Amino acid sequence: MITCDKCGRILQPEDDFCPKCGTPVRDINNILDVKSDGTPRTKEESIELAEELANNYDVLNNAKTEIEDLEHKLKVTKPSDVRPRYHTFRFFWKYFIFSYVALIITLLIGAGILSATNSDSVAGLIWISLLVYFGVLILGGILSSRKADKLNTELEMAERRLNEKRRQMERDLEERRNEFNEANAFLFSFNRRIPSTMRNKQRMRKAKDMIASGQAEKLSQAIALCTPGNRNV
């Protein structure tokens, strides 16, 4: 039966640290205190490792938050499959009505003039009325087409800005994922020796300070002292 050297709690064979007080299980190959060549880490090397762990935990946690945020933004800014467009007739119909109104007004005014002057120029009146009618239609068509083209151009520019924004977010997302994967790969082997409550920048910096001040000789000892729940914290 394996027990914790500090609090006496019974440990499981797979435990790397005490689940009660956080004290690392005695292991001559503890990666926190021993380098890959088997030599113990010096005080300076332990401080350097603690700082590197703190920075990587900071990158890992920040990258995770940013990845979730970017994935959400990409989801809500997904462009619609149906691209809205303005059609000329949307603005032309009022000119169609105006042309009829103009035709009627022209006929009424012309009829009044013919009646007042006893003129028989009915054909001339009809031609003038038709010219007014088609003139309004043509002018309306031109103005409606220009307005639709202008609004469609603005829509296309907005779509391009949205697509560029999405491409930038996709590039940022890829960078954050790479940062997350790199930090995670570095921390993978150390996480077996570090309690989950210690896996953040602030607590690792506190462990580093304990080594620097002489309150702990090794990084594993500093982590055990800083683990929440330890009476020495």
C-alpha atoms as a PDB file:
ATOM      1  CA  MET A   1       0.000   0.000   0.000  1.00  0.00           C
ATOM      2  CA  ILE A   2       1.339   3.420  -1.008  1.00  0.00           C
ATOM      3  CA  THR A   3       0.637   6.399   1.226  1.00  0.00           C
ATOM      4  CA  CYS A   4       1.368  10.107   0.944  1.00  0.00           C
ATOM      5  CA  ASP A   5       4.602  11.096   2.681  1.00  0.00           C
ATOM      6  CA  LYS A   6       2.918  14.260   3.994  1.00  0.00           C
ATOM      7  CA  CYS A   7      -0.722  13.566   4.942  1.00  0.00           C
ATOM      8  CA  GLY A   8      -0.772   9.762   4.958  1.00  0.00           C
ATOM      9  CA  ARG A   9      -3.621   9.366   2.469  1.00  0.00           C
ATOM     10  CA  ILE A  10      -3.702   6.038   0.642  1.00  0.00           C
ATOM     11  CA  LEU A  11      -2.629   6.477  -2.963  1.00  0.00           C
ATOM     12  CA  GLN A  12      -3.481   4.545  -6.097  1.00  0.00           C
ATOM     13  CA  PRO A  13      -0.662   3.137  -8.270  1.00  0.00           C
ATOM     14  CA  GLU A  14      -1.494   5.594 -11.061  1.00  0.00           C
ATOM     15  CA  ASP A  15      -1.397   8.647  -8.771  1.00  0.00           C
ATOM     16  CA  ASP A  16       1.408  11.098  -9.508  1.00  0.00           C
ATOM     17  CA  PHE A  17       0.436  13.432  -6.678  1.00  0.00           C
ATOM     18  CA  CYS A  18      -1.725  13.189  -3.578  1.00  0.00           C
ATOM     19  CA  PRO A  19      -5.368  14.040  -4.384  1.00  0.00           C
ATOM     20  CA  LYS A  20      -5.762  15.480  -0.868  1.00  0.00           C
ATOM     21  CA  CYS A  21      -2.754  17.724  -0.300  1.00  0.00           C
ATOM     22  CA  GLY A  22      -1.137  17.775  -3.750  1.00  0.00           C
ATOM     23  CA  THR A  23       2.222  16.392  -2.625  1.00  0.00           C
ATOM     24  CA  PRO A  24       3.960  14.634  -5.554  1.00  0.00           C
ATOM     25  CA  VAL A  25       4.442  10.891  -5.193  1.00  0.00           C
ATOM     26  CA  ARG A  26       8.090  10.149  -4.567  1.00  0.00           C
ATOM     27  CA  ASP A  27       9.642   9.418  -7.939  1.00  0.00           C
ATOM     28  CA  ILE A  28      13.307   9.751  -8.849  1.00  0.00           C
ATOM     29  CA  ASN A  29      12.282  10.456 -12.435  1.00  0.00           C
ATOM     30  CA  ASN A  30       9.972  13.358 -11.596  1.00  0.00           C
ATOM     31  CA  ILE A  31      10.175  15.508 -14.721  1.00  0.00           C
ATOM     32  CA  LEU A  32       9.668  18.654 -12.659  1.00  0.00           C
ATOM     33  CA  ASP A  33      12.919  18.141 -10.740  1.00  0.00           C
ATOM     34  CA  VAL A  34      15.002  16.010 -13.091  1.00  0.00           C
ATOM     35  CA  LYS A  35      16.118  16.857 -16.628  1.00  0.00           C
ATOM     36  CA  SER A  36      15.869  14.454 -19.528  1.00  0.00           C
ATOM     37  CA  ASP A  37      19.521  13.409 -19.049  1.00  0.00           C
ATOM     38  CA  GLY A  38      18.771  12.342 -15.467  1.00  0.00           C
ATOM     39  CA  THR A  39      20.565  15.215 -13.726  1.00  0.00           C
ATOM     40  CA  PRO A  40      18.693  17.254 -11.090  1.00  0.00           C
ATOM     41  CA  ARG A  41      17.539  20.712 -12.071  1.00  0.00           C
ATOM     42  CA  THR A  42      19.385  23.603 -10.469  1.00  0.00           C
ATOM     43  CA  LYS A  43      17.520  26.375  -8.674  1.00  0.00           C
ATOM     44  CA  GLU A  44      17.864  28.639 -11.713  1.00  0.00           C
ATOM     45  CA  GLU A  45      16.653  25.882 -14.043  1.00  0.00           C
ATOM     46  CA  SER A  46      13.639  25.213 -11.790  1.00  0.00           C
ATOM     47  CA  ILE A  47      12.772  28.918 -11.805  1.00  0.00           C
ATOM     48  CA  GLU A  48      13.129  29.017 -15.594  1.00  0.00           C
ATOM     49  CA  LEU A  49      10.918  25.929 -15.980  1.00  0.00           C
ATOM     50  CA  ALA A  50       8.271  27.386 -13.657  1.00  0.00           C
ATOM     51  CA  GLU A  51       8.184  30.567 -15.733  1.00  0.00           C
ATOM     52  CA  GLU A  52       7.941  28.568 -18.955  1.00  0.00           C
ATOM     53  CA  LEU A  53       5.093  26.508 -17.507  1.00  0.00           C
ATOM     54  CA  ALA A  54       3.312  29.674 -16.365  1.00  0.00           C
ATOM     55  CA  ASN A  55       3.597  31.207 -19.848  1.00  0.00           C
ATOM     56  CA  ASN A  56       2.381  28.059 -21.575  1.00  0.00           C
ATOM     57  CA  TYR A  57      -0.586  27.699 -19.246  1.00  0.00           C
ATOM     58  CA  ASP A  58      -1.415  31.331 -19.967  1.00  0.00           C
ATOM     59  CA  VAL A  59      -1.193  30.726 -23.729  1.00  0.00           C
ATOM     60  CA  LEU A  60      -3.261  27.553 -23.407  1.00  0.00           C
ATOM     61  CA  ASN A  61      -6.068  29.172 -21.419  1.00  0.00           C
ATOM     62  CA  ASN A  62      -6.157  32.354 -23.528  1.00  0.00           C
ATOM     63  CA  ALA A  63      -6.033  30.409 -26.797  1.00  0.00           C
ATOM     64  CA  LYS A  64      -8.897  28.179 -25.664  1.00  0.00           C
ATOM     65  CA  THR A  65     -11.064  31.213 -24.875  1.00  0.00           C
ATOM     66  CA  GLU A  66     -10.171  32.927 -28.161  1.00  0.00           C
ATOM     67  CA  ILE A  67     -10.829  29.746 -30.161  1.00  0.00           C
ATOM     68  CA  GLU A  68     -14.319  29.429 -28.685  1.00  0.00           C
ATOM     69  CA  ASP A  69     -14.986  33.124 -29.350  1.00  0.00           C
ATOM     70  CA  LEU A  70     -13.768  32.962 -32.965  1.00  0.00           C
ATOM     71  CA  GLU A  71     -15.714  29.766 -33.681  1.00  0.00           C
ATOM     72  CA  HIS A  72     -18.869  31.458 -32.380  1.00  0.00           C
ATOM     73  CA  LYS A  73     -18.250  34.597 -34.475  1.00  0.00           C
ATOM     74  CA  LEU A  74     -17.644  32.527 -37.615  1.00  0.00           C
ATOM     75  CA  LYS A  75     -20.882  30.685 -36.982  1.00  0.00           C
ATOM     76  CA  VAL A  76     -23.015  33.816 -36.539  1.00  0.00           C
ATOM     77  CA  THR A  77     -21.376  35.681 -39.455  1.00  0.00           C
ATOM     78  CA  LYS A  78     -21.916  32.860 -41.929  1.00  0.00           C
ATOM     79  CA  PRO A  79     -23.084  34.462 -45.211  1.00  0.00           C
ATOM     80  CA  SER A  80     -26.556  33.558 -46.414  1.00  0.00           C
ATOM     81  CA  ASP A  81     -26.925  31.125 -49.309  1.00  0.00           C
ATOM     82  CA  VAL A  82     -29.487  33.511 -50.825  1.00  0.00           C
ATOM     83  CA  ARG A  83     -27.812  36.755 -51.846  1.00  0.00           C
ATOM     84  CA  PRO A  84     -30.290  39.672 -51.613  1.00  0.00           C
ATOM     85  CA  ARG A  85     -30.395  41.927 -54.615  1.00  0.00           C
ATOM     86  CA  TYR A  86     -32.405  44.999 -55.551  1.00  0.00           C
ATOM     87  CA  HIS A  87     -34.426  44.824 -58.780  1.00  0.00           C
ATOM     88  CA  THR A  88     -35.182  47.863 -60.899  1.00  0.00           C
ATOM     89  CA  PHE A  89     -38.955  47.314 -60.750  1.00  0.00           C
ATOM     90  CA  ARG A  90     -38.852  47.776 -56.961  1.00  0.00           C
ATOM     91  CA  PHE A  91     -38.257  51.491 -57.618  1.00  0.00           C
ATOM     92  CA  PHE A  92     -39.844  51.756 -61.076  1.00  0.00           C
ATOM     93  CA  TRP A  93     -43.498  51.048 -60.189  1.00  0.00           C
ATOM     94  CA  LYS A  94     -44.056  54.540 -58.749  1.00  0.00           C
ATOM     95  CA  TYR A  95     -42.856  56.101 -62.028  1.00  0.00           C
ATOM     96  CA  PHE A  96     -45.304  53.830 -63.821  1.00  0.00           C
ATOM     97  CA  ILE A  97     -48.077  55.403 -61.758  1.00  0.00           C
ATOM     98  CA  PHE A  98     -46.624  58.887 -62.294  1.00  0.00           C
ATOM     99  CA  SER A  99     -46.688  58.360 -66.059  1.00  0.00           C
ATOM    100  CA  TYR A 100     -50.421  57.620 -66.034  1.00  0.00           C
ATOM    101  CA  VAL A 101     -51.084  60.621 -63.801  1.00  0.00           C
ATOM    102  CA  ALA A 102     -48.983  62.792 -66.118  1.00  0.00           C
ATOM    103  CA  LEU A 103     -50.870  61.446 -69.165  1.00  0.00           C
ATOM    104  CA  ILE A 104     -54.250  62.245 -67.640  1.00  0.00           C
ATOM    105  CA  ILE A 105     -53.182  65.719 -66.504  1.00  0.00           C
ATOM    106  CA  THR A 106     -51.726  66.462 -69.939  1.00  0.00           C
ATOM    107  CA  LEU A 107     -54.948  65.369 -71.659  1.00  0.00           C
ATOM    108  CA  LEU A 108     -57.085  67.429 -69.301  1.00  0.00           C
ATOM    109  CA  ILE A 109     -54.957  70.546 -69.697  1.00  0.00           C
ATOM    110  CA  GLY A 110     -54.766  70.062 -73.451  1.00  0.00           C
ATOM    111  CA  ALA A 111     -58.513  69.535 -73.694  1.00  0.00           C
ATOM    112  CA  GLY A 112     -59.059  72.726 -71.747  1.00  0.00           C
ATOM    113  CA  ILE A 113     -56.744  74.661 -74.042  1.00  0.00           C
ATOM    114  CA  LEU A 114     -58.402  73.226 -77.170  1.00  0.00           C
ATOM    115  CA  SER A 115     -61.821  74.091 -75.822  1.00  0.00           C
ATOM    116  CA  ALA A 116     -60.782  77.614 -74.958  1.00  0.00           C
ATOM    117  CA  THR A 117     -59.216  78.257 -78.363  1.00  0.00           C
ATOM    118  CA  ASN A 118     -61.758  76.323 -80.416  1.00  0.00           C
ATOM    119  CA  SER A 119     -58.847  74.380 -81.904  1.00  0.00           C
ATOM    120  CA  ASP A 120     -59.205  71.014 -83.628  1.00  0.00           C
ATOM    121  CA  SER A 121     -55.627  69.839 -82.955  1.00  0.00           C
ATOM    122  CA  VAL A 122     -56.683  66.621 -81.177  1.00  0.00           C
ATOM    123  CA  ALA A 123     -53.936  64.609 -82.826  1.00  0.00           C
ATOM    124  CA  GLY A 124     -51.312  67.038 -81.553  1.00  0.00           C
ATOM    125  CA  LEU A 125     -52.723  66.741 -78.059  1.00  0.00           C
ATOM    126  CA  ILE A 126     -52.521  62.964 -78.208  1.00  0.00           C
ATOM    127  CA  TRP A 127     -48.908  63.077 -79.407  1.00  0.00           C
ATOM    128  CA  ILE A 128     -47.911  65.497 -76.648  1.00  0.00           C
ATOM    129  CA  SER A 129     -49.657  63.356 -74.039  1.00  0.00           C
ATOM    130  CA  LEU A 130     -47.885  60.222 -75.283  1.00  0.00           C
ATOM    131  CA  LEU A 131     -44.543  62.009 -75.260  1.00  0.00           C
ATOM    132  CA  VAL A 132     -45.116  63.024 -71.632  1.00  0.00           C
ATOM    133  CA  TYR A 133     -46.246  59.497 -70.748  1.00  0.00           C
ATOM    134  CA  PHE A 134     -43.259  57.731 -72.307  1.00  0.00           C
ATOM    135  CA  GLY A 135     -40.882  60.462 -71.150  1.00  0.00           C
ATOM    136  CA  VAL A 136     -41.838  59.822 -67.536  1.00  0.00           C
ATOM    137  CA  LEU A 137     -41.496  56.061 -68.080  1.00  0.00           C
ATOM    138  CA  ILE A 138     -38.032  56.391 -69.629  1.00  0.00           C
ATOM    139  CA  LEU A 139     -36.835  58.818 -66.941  1.00  0.00           C
ATOM    140  CA  GLY A 140     -38.222  56.541 -64.240  1.00  0.00           C
ATOM    141  CA  GLY A 141     -36.509  53.533 -65.773  1.00  0.00           C
ATOM    142  CA  ILE A 142     -33.158  55.321 -65.839  1.00  0.00           C
ATOM    143  CA  LEU A 143     -33.447  56.594 -62.253  1.00  0.00           C
ATOM    144  CA  SER A 144     -34.716  53.247 -60.960  1.00  0.00           C
ATOM    145  CA  SER A 145     -31.913  51.346 -62.678  1.00  0.00           C
ATOM    146  CA  ARG A 146     -29.271  53.695 -61.253  1.00  0.00           C
ATOM    147  CA  LYS A 147     -30.673  53.383 -57.731  1.00  0.00           C
ATOM    148  CA  ALA A 148     -30.832  49.583 -57.942  1.00  0.00           C
ATOM    149  CA  ASP A 149     -27.252  49.441 -59.280  1.00  0.00           C
ATOM    150  CA  LYS A 150     -26.023  51.724 -56.479  1.00  0.00           C
ATOM    151  CA  LEU A 151     -27.684  49.655 -53.752  1.00  0.00           C
ATOM    152  CA  ASN A 152     -26.480  46.383 -55.294  1.00  0.00           C
ATOM    153  CA  THR A 153     -22.931  47.763 -55.408  1.00  0.00           C
ATOM    154  CA  GLU A 154     -23.186  48.631 -51.715  1.00  0.00           C
ATOM    155  CA  LEU A 155     -24.428  45.104 -50.993  1.00  0.00           C
ATOM    156  CA  GLU A 156     -21.523  43.579 -52.908  1.00  0.00           C
ATOM    157  CA  MET A 157     -19.032  45.767 -51.033  1.00  0.00           C
ATOM    158  CA  ALA A 158     -20.613  44.736 -47.714  1.00  0.00           C
ATOM    159  CA  GLU A 159     -20.341  41.079 -48.760  1.00  0.00           C
ATOM    160  CA  ARG A 160     -16.680  41.522 -49.669  1.00  0.00           C
ATOM    161  CA  ARG A 161     -15.999  43.173 -46.294  1.00  0.00           C
ATOM    162  CA  LEU A 162     -17.810  40.334 -44.535  1.00  0.00           C
ATOM    163  CA  ASN A 163     -15.877  37.698 -46.487  1.00  0.00           C
ATOM    164  CA  GLU A 164     -12.570  39.430 -45.749  1.00  0.00           C
ATOM    165  CA  LYS A 165     -13.521  39.639 -42.085  1.00  0.00           C
ATOM    166  CA  ARG A 166     -14.316  35.915 -42.082  1.00  0.00           C
ATOM    167  CA  ARG A 167     -11.024  35.086 -43.814  1.00  0.00           C
ATOM    168  CA  GLN A 168      -9.157  37.110 -41.172  1.00  0.00           C
ATOM    169  CA  MET A 169     -11.040  35.327 -38.395  1.00  0.00           C
ATOM    170  CA  GLU A 170     -10.220  31.973 -40.010  1.00  0.00           C
ATOM    171  CA  ARG A 171      -6.528  32.926 -40.115  1.00  0.00           C
ATOM    172  CA  ASP A 172      -6.679  34.053 -36.484  1.00  0.00           C
ATOM    173  CA  LEU A 173      -8.456  30.822 -35.549  1.00  0.00           C
ATOM    174  CA  GLU A 174      -5.747  28.757 -37.224  1.00  0.00           C
ATOM    175  CA  GLU A 175      -3.036  30.699 -35.380  1.00  0.00           C
ATOM    176  CA  ARG A 176      -4.813  30.259 -32.021  1.00  0.00           C
ATOM    177  CA  ARG A 177      -5.217  26.524 -32.677  1.00  0.00           C
ATOM    178  CA  ASN A 178      -1.524  26.210 -33.482  1.00  0.00           C
ATOM    179  CA  GLU A 179      -0.639  28.095 -30.291  1.00  0.00           C
ATOM    180  CA  PHE A 180      -2.999  25.871 -28.306  1.00  0.00           C
ATOM    181  CA  ASN A 181      -1.550  22.685 -29.793  1.00  0.00           C
ATOM    182  CA  GLU A 182       2.053  23.794 -29.216  1.00  0.00           C
ATOM    183  CA  ALA A 183       1.373  24.751 -25.592  1.00  0.00           C
ATOM    184  CA  ASN A 184      -0.610  21.572 -25.021  1.00  0.00           C
ATOM    185  CA  ALA A 185       2.200  19.428 -26.452  1.00  0.00           C
ATOM    186  CA  PHE A 186       4.751  21.116 -24.193  1.00  0.00           C
ATOM    187  CA  LEU A 187       2.580  20.714 -21.100  1.00  0.00           C
ATOM    188  CA  PHE A 188       1.435  17.157 -21.793  1.00  0.00           C
ATOM    189  CA  SER A 189       4.158  15.339 -19.866  1.00  0.00           C
ATOM    190  CA  PHE A 190       4.224  17.921 -17.057  1.00  0.00           C
ATOM    191  CA  ASN A 191       0.463  17.722 -16.460  1.00  0.00           C
ATOM    192  CA  ARG A 192       0.880  14.237 -15.000  1.00  0.00           C
ATOM    193  CA  ARG A 193       2.905  15.863 -12.203  1.00  0.00           C
ATOM    194  CA  ILE A 194       0.892  19.062 -11.760  1.00  0.00           C
ATOM    195  CA  PRO A 195      -2.555  19.129 -10.087  1.00  0.00           C
ATOM    196  CA  SER A 196      -5.294  20.636 -12.240  1.00  0.00           C
ATOM    197  CA  THR A 197      -5.769  23.464  -9.708  1.00  0.00           C
ATOM    198  CA  MET A 198      -2.172  24.535 -10.332  1.00  0.00           C
ATOM    199  CA  ARG A 199      -2.441  24.692 -14.112  1.00  0.00           C
ATOM    200  CA  ASN A 200      -2.611  28.438 -14.509  1.00  0.00           C
ATOM    201  CA  LYS A 201      -0.217  31.362 -14.805  1.00  0.00           C
ATOM    202  CA  GLN A 202      -0.824  32.883 -11.364  1.00  0.00           C
ATOM    203  CA  ARG A 203      -0.191  29.723  -9.321  1.00  0.00           C
ATOM    204  CA  MET A 204       2.858  28.709 -11.339  1.00  0.00           C
ATOM    205  CA  ARG A 205       4.286  32.191 -10.827  1.00  0.00           C
ATOM    206  CA  LYS A 206       3.665  31.752  -7.095  1.00  0.00           C
ATOM    207  CA  ALA A 207       5.548  28.429  -7.183  1.00  0.00           C
ATOM    208  CA  LYS A 208       8.400  30.151  -9.007  1.00  0.00           C
ATOM    209  CA  ASP A 209       8.538  32.868  -6.354  1.00  0.00           C
ATOM    210  CA  MET A 210       8.705  30.245  -3.600  1.00  0.00           C
ATOM    211  CA  ILE A 211      11.786  28.693  -5.229  1.00  0.00           C
ATOM    212  CA  ALA A 212      13.380  32.103  -5.768  1.00  0.00           C
ATOM    213  CA  SER A 213      12.792  33.089  -2.126  1.00  0.00           C
ATOM    214  CA  GLY A 214      14.115  29.779  -0.785  1.00  0.00           C
ATOM    215  CA  GLN A 215      10.770  28.598   0.621  1.00  0.00           C
ATOM    216  CA  ALA A 216      11.006  25.535  -1.631  1.00  0.00           C
ATOM    217  CA  GLU A 217      14.069  23.723  -2.930  1.00  0.00           C
ATOM    218  CA  LYS A 218      12.452  22.011  -5.885  1.00  0.00           C
ATOM    219  CA  LEU A 219       9.631  22.819  -8.273  1.00  0.00           C
ATOM    220  CA  SER A 220       7.603  19.771  -7.199  1.00  0.00           C
ATOM    221  CA  GLN A 221       7.857  20.929  -3.592  1.00  0.00           C
ATOM    222  CA  ALA A 222       6.811  24.480  -4.518  1.00  0.00           C
ATOM    223  CA  ILE A 223       3.809  23.151  -6.446  1.00  0.00           C
ATOM    224  CA  ALA A 224       2.770  21.014  -3.472  1.00  0.00           C
ATOM    225  CA  LEU A 225       2.979  24.026  -1.153  1.00  0.00           C
ATOM    226  CA  CYS A 226       0.960  26.210  -3.535  1.00  0.00           C
ATOM    227  CA  THR A 227      -1.754  23.657  -4.250  1.00  0.00           C
ATOM    228  CA  PRO A 228      -5.171  24.868  -2.967  1.00  0.00           C
ATOM    229  CA  GLY A 229      -6.143  22.931   0.121  1.00  0.00           C
ATOM    230  CA  ASN A 230      -2.589  22.703   1.400  1.00  0.00           C
ATOM    231  CA  ARG A 231      -2.411  24.263   4.827  1.00  0.00           C
ATOM    232  CA  ASN A 232       0.819  26.041   3.871  1.00  0.00           C
ATOM    233  CA  VAL A 233      -0.748  27.951   1.000  1.00  0.00           C
END
